[in-house]
Amino acid sequence: MPASSTLRDRRRLQTGREIQSATLRLALREGFEAITTEMIAAEAGVSLRTFFNYYANKEAALVGRRPEIDPGIIGWFEIASGPLMDDLFEALSRHLDDGHLNRETIRLISTLLERSPELVPIFHASLQKLACQIVSLVTSRLGETARPEAELLAELLSHALGHAIRSWSQSDDMSESEITRLARQHVEKVGALIGYGGEAPSR
């Protein structure tokens, strides 16, 4: 990718984040139902036209841009030959390393959802996008006959990753590289519960 394109992409990413942060701040201050796209644009210091260049509505701005897993990462996964779970977590780790996360934004989201749990479904829909991509990754390796299991696994992985990201956002010491490690621990604990008939294994 040319350097100019990279800089342009970074600026677009930053502007998108600023609009999302403005939406979250306003939602915390005024209540999500009370805010308008005009208010968000003013808070973010952009024109209303610029707002709509990034987001279709205030719901989309609240969630922010959720970049899809890069085609290069997907290509790597499709030819990787390691154990399925190892390769899945490596793909997710590479995805997060692309600079998609912002600790302060995640903190704002967590605070907002604590105060306004009715907004959870909006963010859940965004989480489903990641789950769908994980399904595609798994079925590319195991085939379409494994889709039901792939869908269950994708739900577990996406939620485990979400929990790990929230833990990362609340810690000033936890690095981004530890997010997928923590998510894997969550998944392995669930696997242990299943393996032990619903009872936690003794330590």
C-alpha atoms as a PDB file:
ATOM      1  CA  MET A   1       0.000   0.000   0.000  1.00  0.00           C
ATOM      2  CA  PRO A   2       1.413   3.437  -0.892  1.00  0.00           C
ATOM      3  CA  ALA A   3       2.491   5.608   2.030  1.00  0.00           C
ATOM      4  CA  SER A   4      -0.034   8.305   1.064  1.00  0.00           C
ATOM      5  CA  SER A   5      -2.865   5.757   1.139  1.00  0.00           C
ATOM      6  CA  THR A   6      -1.729   4.498   4.519  1.00  0.00           C
ATOM      7  CA  LEU A   7      -1.747   8.036   5.916  1.00  0.00           C
ATOM      8  CA  ARG A   8      -5.181   8.669   4.412  1.00  0.00           C
ATOM      9  CA  ASP A   9      -6.520   5.450   5.926  1.00  0.00           C
ATOM     10  CA  ARG A  10      -5.125   6.395   9.329  1.00  0.00           C
ATOM     11  CA  ARG A  11      -6.749   9.808   9.158  1.00  0.00           C
ATOM     12  CA  ARG A  12     -10.078   8.237   8.252  1.00  0.00           C
ATOM     13  CA  LEU A  13      -9.728   5.785  11.126  1.00  0.00           C
ATOM     14  CA  GLN A  14      -8.935   8.632  13.530  1.00  0.00           C
ATOM     15  CA  THR A  15     -11.869  10.752  12.364  1.00  0.00           C
ATOM     16  CA  GLY A  16     -14.197   7.766  12.700  1.00  0.00           C
ATOM     17  CA  ARG A  17     -12.964   7.215  16.230  1.00  0.00           C
ATOM     18  CA  GLU A  18     -13.428  10.886  17.127  1.00  0.00           C
ATOM     19  CA  ILE A  19     -17.021  10.794  15.912  1.00  0.00           C
ATOM     20  CA  GLN A  20     -17.666   7.609  17.873  1.00  0.00           C
ATOM     21  CA  SER A  21     -16.110   9.087  21.024  1.00  0.00           C
ATOM     22  CA  ALA A  22     -18.282  12.177  20.647  1.00  0.00           C
ATOM     23  CA  THR A  23     -21.357   9.952  20.329  1.00  0.00           C
ATOM     24  CA  LEU A  24     -20.436   7.997  23.446  1.00  0.00           C
ATOM     25  CA  ARG A  25     -19.741  11.144  25.483  1.00  0.00           C
ATOM     26  CA  LEU A  26     -23.045  12.672  24.462  1.00  0.00           C
ATOM     27  CA  ALA A  27     -24.931   9.443  25.165  1.00  0.00           C
ATOM     28  CA  LEU A  28     -23.461   9.383  28.668  1.00  0.00           C
ATOM     29  CA  ARG A  29     -24.225  13.048  29.237  1.00  0.00           C
ATOM     30  CA  GLU A  30     -27.619  13.429  27.597  1.00  0.00           C
ATOM     31  CA  GLY A  31     -28.947   9.906  27.120  1.00  0.00           C
ATOM     32  CA  PHE A  32     -28.755   8.167  23.764  1.00  0.00           C
ATOM     33  CA  GLU A  33     -32.391   8.765  22.796  1.00  0.00           C
ATOM     34  CA  ALA A  34     -31.994  12.518  23.301  1.00  0.00           C
ATOM     35  CA  ILE A  35     -28.996  13.058  21.046  1.00  0.00           C
ATOM     36  CA  THR A  36     -29.095  13.841  17.328  1.00  0.00           C
ATOM     37  CA  THR A  37     -26.634  13.533  14.478  1.00  0.00           C
ATOM     38  CA  GLU A  38     -26.341  17.331  14.502  1.00  0.00           C
ATOM     39  CA  MET A  39     -25.319  17.255  18.157  1.00  0.00           C
ATOM     40  CA  ILE A  40     -22.766  14.518  17.471  1.00  0.00           C
ATOM     41  CA  ALA A  41     -21.212  16.415  14.563  1.00  0.00           C
ATOM     42  CA  ALA A  42     -20.904  19.550  16.694  1.00  0.00           C
ATOM     43  CA  GLU A  43     -19.373  17.599  19.581  1.00  0.00           C
ATOM     44  CA  ALA A  44     -16.863  15.966  17.246  1.00  0.00           C
ATOM     45  CA  GLY A  45     -16.040  19.241  15.517  1.00  0.00           C
ATOM     46  CA  VAL A  46     -17.025  18.020  12.051  1.00  0.00           C
ATOM     47  CA  SER A  47     -19.700  18.978   9.565  1.00  0.00           C
ATOM     48  CA  LEU A  48     -22.930  17.013   9.319  1.00  0.00           C
ATOM     49  CA  ARG A  49     -21.855  15.991   5.825  1.00  0.00           C
ATOM     50  CA  THR A  50     -18.629  14.568   7.215  1.00  0.00           C
ATOM     51  CA  PHE A  51     -20.616  12.664   9.841  1.00  0.00           C
ATOM     52  CA  PHE A  52     -22.681  10.975   7.136  1.00  0.00           C
ATOM     53  CA  ASN A  53     -19.545  10.184   5.165  1.00  0.00           C
ATOM     54  CA  TYR A  54     -18.604   7.916   8.072  1.00  0.00           C
ATOM     55  CA  TYR A  55     -21.844   6.714   9.615  1.00  0.00           C
ATOM     56  CA  ALA A  56     -25.376   6.199   8.348  1.00  0.00           C
ATOM     57  CA  ASN A  57     -27.000   7.139  11.657  1.00  0.00           C
ATOM     58  CA  LYS A  58     -26.318   7.681  15.345  1.00  0.00           C
ATOM     59  CA  GLU A  59     -26.644   3.957  16.093  1.00  0.00           C
ATOM     60  CA  ALA A  60     -23.789   3.208  13.707  1.00  0.00           C
ATOM     61  CA  ALA A  61     -21.711   6.023  15.213  1.00  0.00           C
ATOM     62  CA  LEU A  62     -22.291   4.624  18.698  1.00  0.00           C
ATOM     63  CA  VAL A  63     -20.815   1.261  17.719  1.00  0.00           C
ATOM     64  CA  GLY A  64     -18.096   2.723  15.528  1.00  0.00           C
ATOM     65  CA  ARG A  65     -16.342   1.093  12.621  1.00  0.00           C
ATOM     66  CA  ARG A  66     -15.671  -2.584  13.120  1.00  0.00           C
ATOM     67  CA  PRO A  67     -13.003  -3.512  10.573  1.00  0.00           C
ATOM     68  CA  GLU A  68     -13.322  -6.952   9.086  1.00  0.00           C
ATOM     69  CA  ILE A  69     -10.482  -9.430   9.401  1.00  0.00           C
ATOM     70  CA  ASP A  70      -7.929  -8.477   6.771  1.00  0.00           C
ATOM     71  CA  PRO A  71      -7.879 -10.655   3.625  1.00  0.00           C
ATOM     72  CA  GLY A  72      -4.167 -11.243   4.223  1.00  0.00           C
ATOM     73  CA  ILE A  73      -4.930 -12.784   7.617  1.00  0.00           C
ATOM     74  CA  ILE A  74      -7.678 -14.912   6.086  1.00  0.00           C
ATOM     75  CA  GLY A  75      -5.275 -16.059   3.387  1.00  0.00           C
ATOM     76  CA  TRP A  76      -2.694 -16.997   6.016  1.00  0.00           C
ATOM     77  CA  PHE A  77      -5.281 -18.995   7.974  1.00  0.00           C
ATOM     78  CA  GLU A  78      -6.435 -20.920   4.917  1.00  0.00           C
ATOM     79  CA  ILE A  79      -2.945 -22.288   4.269  1.00  0.00           C
ATOM     80  CA  ALA A  80      -1.865 -22.652   7.908  1.00  0.00           C
ATOM     81  CA  SER A  81      -1.428 -26.237   9.049  1.00  0.00           C
ATOM     82  CA  GLY A  82      -1.392 -25.931  12.824  1.00  0.00           C
ATOM     83  CA  PRO A  83      -4.134 -27.096  15.210  1.00  0.00           C
ATOM     84  CA  LEU A  84      -7.412 -25.331  14.454  1.00  0.00           C
ATOM     85  CA  MET A  85      -7.659 -23.452  17.764  1.00  0.00           C
ATOM     86  CA  ASP A  86      -4.028 -22.352  17.641  1.00  0.00           C
ATOM     87  CA  ASP A  87      -4.500 -20.935  14.165  1.00  0.00           C
ATOM     88  CA  LEU A  88      -7.818 -19.280  15.056  1.00  0.00           C
ATOM     89  CA  PHE A  89      -6.313 -17.445  18.000  1.00  0.00           C
ATOM     90  CA  GLU A  90      -3.285 -16.482  15.951  1.00  0.00           C
ATOM     91  CA  ALA A  91      -5.606 -15.009  13.296  1.00  0.00           C
ATOM     92  CA  LEU A  92      -7.537 -13.069  15.949  1.00  0.00           C
ATOM     93  CA  SER A  93      -4.288 -11.853  17.486  1.00  0.00           C
ATOM     94  CA  ARG A  94      -3.090 -10.567  14.124  1.00  0.00           C
ATOM     95  CA  HIS A  95      -6.465  -8.887  13.609  1.00  0.00           C
ATOM     96  CA  LEU A  96      -6.206  -7.022  16.919  1.00  0.00           C
ATOM     97  CA  ASP A  97      -2.593  -6.066  16.173  1.00  0.00           C
ATOM     98  CA  ASP A  98      -3.836  -4.026  13.204  1.00  0.00           C
ATOM     99  CA  GLY A  99      -4.549  -1.154  15.609  1.00  0.00           C
ATOM    100  CA  HIS A 100      -8.327  -1.491  15.787  1.00  0.00           C
ATOM    101  CA  LEU A 101      -8.587  -1.077  19.562  1.00  0.00           C
ATOM    102  CA  ASN A 102      -8.687   2.080  21.623  1.00  0.00           C
ATOM    103  CA  ARG A 103      -8.662   1.645  25.393  1.00  0.00           C
ATOM    104  CA  GLU A 104     -10.530   4.867  26.213  1.00  0.00           C
ATOM    105  CA  THR A 105     -13.270   4.091  23.684  1.00  0.00           C
ATOM    106  CA  ILE A 106     -13.824   0.640  25.169  1.00  0.00           C
ATOM    107  CA  ARG A 107     -14.011   2.200  28.624  1.00  0.00           C
ATOM    108  CA  LEU A 108     -16.669   4.640  27.455  1.00  0.00           C
ATOM    109  CA  ILE A 109     -18.659   1.790  25.914  1.00  0.00           C
ATOM    110  CA  SER A 110     -18.471  -0.258  29.121  1.00  0.00           C
ATOM    111  CA  THR A 111     -19.642   2.688  31.228  1.00  0.00           C
ATOM    112  CA  LEU A 112     -22.491   3.413  28.825  1.00  0.00           C
ATOM    113  CA  LEU A 113     -23.717  -0.194  28.804  1.00  0.00           C
ATOM    114  CA  GLU A 114     -23.670  -0.282  32.603  1.00  0.00           C
ATOM    115  CA  ARG A 115     -25.915   2.796  32.677  1.00  0.00           C
ATOM    116  CA  SER A 116     -28.031   1.920  29.640  1.00  0.00           C
ATOM    117  CA  PRO A 117     -28.297  -1.876  29.258  1.00  0.00           C
ATOM    118  CA  GLU A 118     -31.033  -1.387  26.652  1.00  0.00           C
ATOM    119  CA  LEU A 119     -28.242  -0.473  24.219  1.00  0.00           C
ATOM    120  CA  VAL A 120     -26.589  -3.907  24.503  1.00  0.00           C
ATOM    121  CA  PRO A 121     -28.384  -5.309  21.406  1.00  0.00           C
ATOM    122  CA  ILE A 122     -26.829  -2.571  19.234  1.00  0.00           C
ATOM    123  CA  PHE A 123     -23.349  -3.700  20.216  1.00  0.00           C
ATOM    124  CA  HIS A 124     -24.300  -7.367  20.038  1.00  0.00           C
ATOM    125  CA  ALA A 125     -25.132  -6.936  16.354  1.00  0.00           C
ATOM    126  CA  SER A 126     -21.594  -5.689  15.809  1.00  0.00           C
ATOM    127  CA  LEU A 127     -20.188  -8.697  17.649  1.00  0.00           C
ATOM    128  CA  GLN A 128     -22.139 -10.927  15.282  1.00  0.00           C
ATOM    129  CA  LYS A 129     -20.101  -9.614  12.358  1.00  0.00           C
ATOM    130  CA  LEU A 130     -16.951 -10.989  13.918  1.00  0.00           C
ATOM    131  CA  ALA A 131     -18.706 -14.271  14.684  1.00  0.00           C
ATOM    132  CA  CYS A 132     -19.712 -14.605  11.028  1.00  0.00           C
ATOM    133  CA  GLN A 133     -16.117 -14.162   9.951  1.00  0.00           C
ATOM    134  CA  ILE A 134     -14.967 -16.805  12.412  1.00  0.00           C
ATOM    135  CA  VAL A 135     -17.576 -19.176  10.985  1.00  0.00           C
ATOM    136  CA  SER A 136     -16.130 -18.584   7.529  1.00  0.00           C
ATOM    137  CA  LEU A 137     -12.624 -19.301   8.805  1.00  0.00           C
ATOM    138  CA  VAL A 138     -13.640 -22.543  10.472  1.00  0.00           C
ATOM    139  CA  THR A 139     -15.670 -23.829   7.520  1.00  0.00           C
ATOM    140  CA  SER A 140     -12.806 -23.000   5.167  1.00  0.00           C
ATOM    141  CA  ARG A 141     -10.772 -25.510   7.156  1.00  0.00           C
ATOM    142  CA  LEU A 142     -13.383 -28.113   8.082  1.00  0.00           C
ATOM    143  CA  GLY A 143     -15.940 -27.787   5.280  1.00  0.00           C
ATOM    144  CA  GLU A 144     -19.605 -26.801   5.166  1.00  0.00           C
ATOM    145  CA  THR A 145     -20.736 -29.944   6.980  1.00  0.00           C
ATOM    146  CA  ALA A 146     -19.130 -28.475  10.105  1.00  0.00           C
ATOM    147  CA  ARG A 147     -21.135 -25.211   9.930  1.00  0.00           C
ATOM    148  CA  PRO A 148     -23.355 -25.925  13.000  1.00  0.00           C
ATOM    149  CA  GLU A 149     -20.277 -26.566  15.151  1.00  0.00           C
ATOM    150  CA  ALA A 150     -18.501 -23.598  13.549  1.00  0.00           C
ATOM    151  CA  GLU A 151     -21.384 -21.309  14.499  1.00  0.00           C
ATOM    152  CA  LEU A 152     -21.332 -22.469  18.115  1.00  0.00           C
ATOM    153  CA  LEU A 153     -17.560 -22.073  18.283  1.00  0.00           C
ATOM    154  CA  ALA A 154     -17.737 -18.608  16.712  1.00  0.00           C
ATOM    155  CA  GLU A 155     -20.260 -17.430  19.309  1.00  0.00           C
ATOM    156  CA  LEU A 156     -18.023 -18.679  22.100  1.00  0.00           C
ATOM    157  CA  LEU A 157     -14.869 -17.141  20.628  1.00  0.00           C
ATOM    158  CA  SER A 158     -16.414 -13.757  19.874  1.00  0.00           C
ATOM    159  CA  HIS A 159     -17.896 -13.436  23.361  1.00  0.00           C
ATOM    160  CA  ALA A 160     -14.664 -14.609  25.002  1.00  0.00           C
ATOM    161  CA  LEU A 161     -12.777 -12.026  22.983  1.00  0.00           C
ATOM    162  CA  GLY A 162     -15.285  -9.358  23.999  1.00  0.00           C
ATOM    163  CA  HIS A 163     -14.805 -10.182  27.691  1.00  0.00           C
ATOM    164  CA  ALA A 164     -11.034 -10.114  27.274  1.00  0.00           C
ATOM    165  CA  ILE A 165     -11.138  -6.751  25.519  1.00  0.00           C
ATOM    166  CA  ARG A 166     -13.221  -5.281  28.343  1.00  0.00           C
ATOM    167  CA  SER A 167     -10.695  -6.620  30.869  1.00  0.00           C
ATOM    168  CA  TRP A 168      -7.882  -5.043  28.850  1.00  0.00           C
ATOM    169  CA  SER A 169      -9.680  -1.706  28.763  1.00  0.00           C
ATOM    170  CA  GLN A 170      -9.951  -1.621  32.552  1.00  0.00           C
ATOM    171  CA  SER A 171      -6.256  -2.357  33.072  1.00  0.00           C
ATOM    172  CA  ASP A 172      -3.426   0.081  32.461  1.00  0.00           C
ATOM    173  CA  ASP A 173      -0.861  -2.724  32.660  1.00  0.00           C
ATOM    174  CA  MET A 174      -2.380  -5.352  30.358  1.00  0.00           C
ATOM    175  CA  SER A 175      -0.954  -5.268  26.834  1.00  0.00           C
ATOM    176  CA  GLU A 176      -2.936  -5.877  23.653  1.00  0.00           C
ATOM    177  CA  SER A 177      -0.932  -9.051  23.074  1.00  0.00           C
ATOM    178  CA  GLU A 178      -2.495 -10.514  26.233  1.00  0.00           C
ATOM    179  CA  ILE A 179      -6.074 -10.134  25.001  1.00  0.00           C
ATOM    180  CA  THR A 180      -6.182 -13.310  22.944  1.00  0.00           C
ATOM    181  CA  ARG A 181      -4.345 -15.215  25.695  1.00  0.00           C
ATOM    182  CA  LEU A 182      -7.061 -14.244  28.176  1.00  0.00           C
ATOM    183  CA  ALA A 183      -9.792 -15.060  25.644  1.00  0.00           C
ATOM    184  CA  ARG A 184      -8.284 -18.488  25.150  1.00  0.00           C
ATOM    185  CA  GLN A 185      -8.277 -19.059  28.895  1.00  0.00           C
ATOM    186  CA  HIS A 186     -12.011 -18.298  28.951  1.00  0.00           C
ATOM    187  CA  VAL A 187     -12.632 -20.763  26.121  1.00  0.00           C
ATOM    188  CA  GLU A 188     -10.529 -23.465  27.765  1.00  0.00           C
ATOM    189  CA  LYS A 189     -12.445 -23.053  31.027  1.00  0.00           C
ATOM    190  CA  VAL A 190     -15.707 -23.604  29.167  1.00  0.00           C
ATOM    191  CA  GLY A 191     -14.179 -26.660  27.524  1.00  0.00           C
ATOM    192  CA  ALA A 192     -13.171 -27.961  30.935  1.00  0.00           C
ATOM    193  CA  LEU A 193     -16.703 -27.484  32.242  1.00  0.00           C
ATOM    194  CA  ILE A 194     -18.099 -29.424  29.304  1.00  0.00           C
ATOM    195  CA  GLY A 195     -15.493 -32.138  29.692  1.00  0.00           C
ATOM    196  CA  TYR A 196     -16.284 -32.554  33.379  1.00  0.00           C
ATOM    197  CA  GLY A 197     -20.020 -32.806  32.941  1.00  0.00           C
ATOM    198  CA  GLY A 198     -20.782 -29.263  33.968  1.00  0.00           C
ATOM    199  CA  GLU A 199     -18.662 -29.241  37.118  1.00  0.00           C
ATOM    200  CA  ALA A 200     -15.432 -27.291  37.390  1.00  0.00           C
ATOM    201  CA  PRO A 201     -12.392 -29.578  37.480  1.00  0.00           C
ATOM    202  CA  SER A 202     -10.487 -29.747  40.744  1.00  0.00           C
ATOM    203  CA  ARG A 203      -7.141 -28.029  40.920  1.00  0.00           C
END
